[in-house]
């Protein structure tokens, strides 16, 4: 199952990834985006594609 990983040092907390995610996986928590519902991620990569900071990668986990 894919899971987004967000580099908090690169994240500007702009919220673009939150809006781009069709499954409500990501929320802004404090000063950065955070994947709060990893189990909802379907690997569409919309968050990665839309992140203007390049702060998101997705990894595959069992």
C-alpha atoms as a PDB file:
ATOM      1  CA  UNK A   1       0.000   0.000   0.000  1.00  0.00           C
ATOM      2  CA  UNK A   2       1.455   3.411  -0.911  1.00  0.00           C
ATOM      3  CA  UNK A   3       2.033   6.007   1.773  1.00  0.00           C
ATOM      4  CA  UNK A   4       2.944   9.681   1.366  1.00  0.00           C
ATOM      5  CA  UNK A   5       6.002  10.967   3.198  1.00  0.00           C
ATOM      6  CA  UNK A   6       6.289  14.724   3.671  1.00  0.00           C
ATOM      7  CA  UNK A   7       9.606  16.434   4.306  1.00  0.00           C
ATOM      8  CA  UNK A   8       8.576  18.983   6.939  1.00  0.00           C
ATOM      9  CA  UNK A   9      11.714  21.057   6.284  1.00  0.00           C
ATOM     10  CA  UNK A  10      10.631  21.617   2.669  1.00  0.00           C
ATOM     11  CA  UNK A  11       6.876  21.954   3.324  1.00  0.00           C
ATOM     12  CA  UNK A  12       5.477  25.494   3.371  1.00  0.00           C
ATOM     13  CA  UNK A  13       2.052  24.399   4.722  1.00  0.00           C
ATOM     14  CA  UNK A  14       0.386  25.979   1.684  1.00  0.00           C
ATOM     15  CA  UNK A  15      -2.397  23.365   1.642  1.00  0.00           C
ATOM     16  CA  UNK A  16      -2.206  22.613  -2.073  1.00  0.00           C
ATOM     17  CA  UNK A  17      -1.630  18.912  -1.360  1.00  0.00           C
ATOM     18  CA  UNK A  18      -4.624  18.860   0.985  1.00  0.00           C
ATOM     19  CA  UNK A  19      -6.845  20.234  -1.778  1.00  0.00           C
ATOM     20  CA  UNK A  20      -5.315  17.911  -4.403  1.00  0.00           C
ATOM     21  CA  UNK A  21      -5.842  14.680  -2.456  1.00  0.00           C
ATOM     22  CA  UNK A  22      -9.146  13.059  -3.443  1.00  0.00           C
ATOM     23  CA  UNK A  23      -9.078  10.783  -0.380  1.00  0.00           C
ATOM     24  CA  UNK A  24      -8.495  13.343   2.405  1.00  0.00           C
ATOM     25  CA  UNK A  25      -5.235  11.701   3.438  1.00  0.00           C
ATOM     26  CA  UNK A  26      -3.334  14.903   4.252  1.00  0.00           C
ATOM     27  CA  UNK A  27      -4.045  17.744   6.672  1.00  0.00           C
ATOM     28  CA  UNK A  28      -2.083  20.790   7.769  1.00  0.00           C
ATOM     29  CA  UNK A  29      -0.863  20.164  11.319  1.00  0.00           C
ATOM     30  CA  UNK A  30       1.094  23.005  12.867  1.00  0.00           C
ATOM     31  CA  UNK A  31       3.600  24.317  10.342  1.00  0.00           C
ATOM     32  CA  UNK A  32       3.508  21.453   7.835  1.00  0.00           C
ATOM     33  CA  UNK A  33       1.304  19.019   5.977  1.00  0.00           C
ATOM     34  CA  UNK A  34       0.958  15.603   7.532  1.00  0.00           C
ATOM     35  CA  UNK A  35      -0.546  12.335   6.240  1.00  0.00           C
ATOM     36  CA  UNK A  36      -3.108  11.674   8.970  1.00  0.00           C
ATOM     37  CA  UNK A  37      -5.086   8.958   7.167  1.00  0.00           C
ATOM     38  CA  UNK A  38      -2.425   6.794   5.476  1.00  0.00           C
ATOM     39  CA  UNK A  39      -4.900   3.944   5.125  1.00  0.00           C
ATOM     40  CA  UNK A  40      -6.939   6.013   2.640  1.00  0.00           C
ATOM     41  CA  UNK A  41      -4.043   6.575   0.220  1.00  0.00           C
ATOM     42  CA  UNK A  42      -4.608   4.893  -3.147  1.00  0.00           C
ATOM     43  CA  UNK A  43      -1.273   5.961  -4.651  1.00  0.00           C
ATOM     44  CA  UNK A  44      -2.706   8.434  -7.159  1.00  0.00           C
ATOM     45  CA  UNK A  45       0.259  10.778  -6.521  1.00  0.00           C
ATOM     46  CA  UNK A  46      -1.881  13.920  -6.879  1.00  0.00           C
ATOM     47  CA  UNK A  47      -0.284  15.349  -3.735  1.00  0.00           C
ATOM     48  CA  UNK A  48       3.234  14.836  -5.125  1.00  0.00           C
ATOM     49  CA  UNK A  49       2.354  16.276  -8.522  1.00  0.00           C
ATOM     50  CA  UNK A  50       0.752  19.400  -7.077  1.00  0.00           C
ATOM     51  CA  UNK A  51       3.264  20.178  -4.310  1.00  0.00           C
ATOM     52  CA  UNK A  52       5.117  23.314  -5.443  1.00  0.00           C
ATOM     53  CA  UNK A  53       7.918  22.661  -2.952  1.00  0.00           C
ATOM     54  CA  UNK A  54       8.606  19.049  -3.998  1.00  0.00           C
ATOM     55  CA  UNK A  55       8.230  18.054  -0.351  1.00  0.00           C
ATOM     56  CA  UNK A  56       6.222  14.847  -0.897  1.00  0.00           C
ATOM     57  CA  UNK A  57       7.311  11.369  -1.930  1.00  0.00           C
ATOM     58  CA  UNK A  58       5.331   8.156  -1.780  1.00  0.00           C
ATOM     59  CA  UNK A  59       6.728   4.877  -0.545  1.00  0.00           C
ATOM     60  CA  UNK A  60       5.288   1.415  -0.917  1.00  0.00           C
ATOM     61  CA  UNK A  61       4.593  -0.443   2.315  1.00  0.00           C
ATOM     62  CA  UNK A  62       3.153  -3.864   2.998  1.00  0.00           C
END
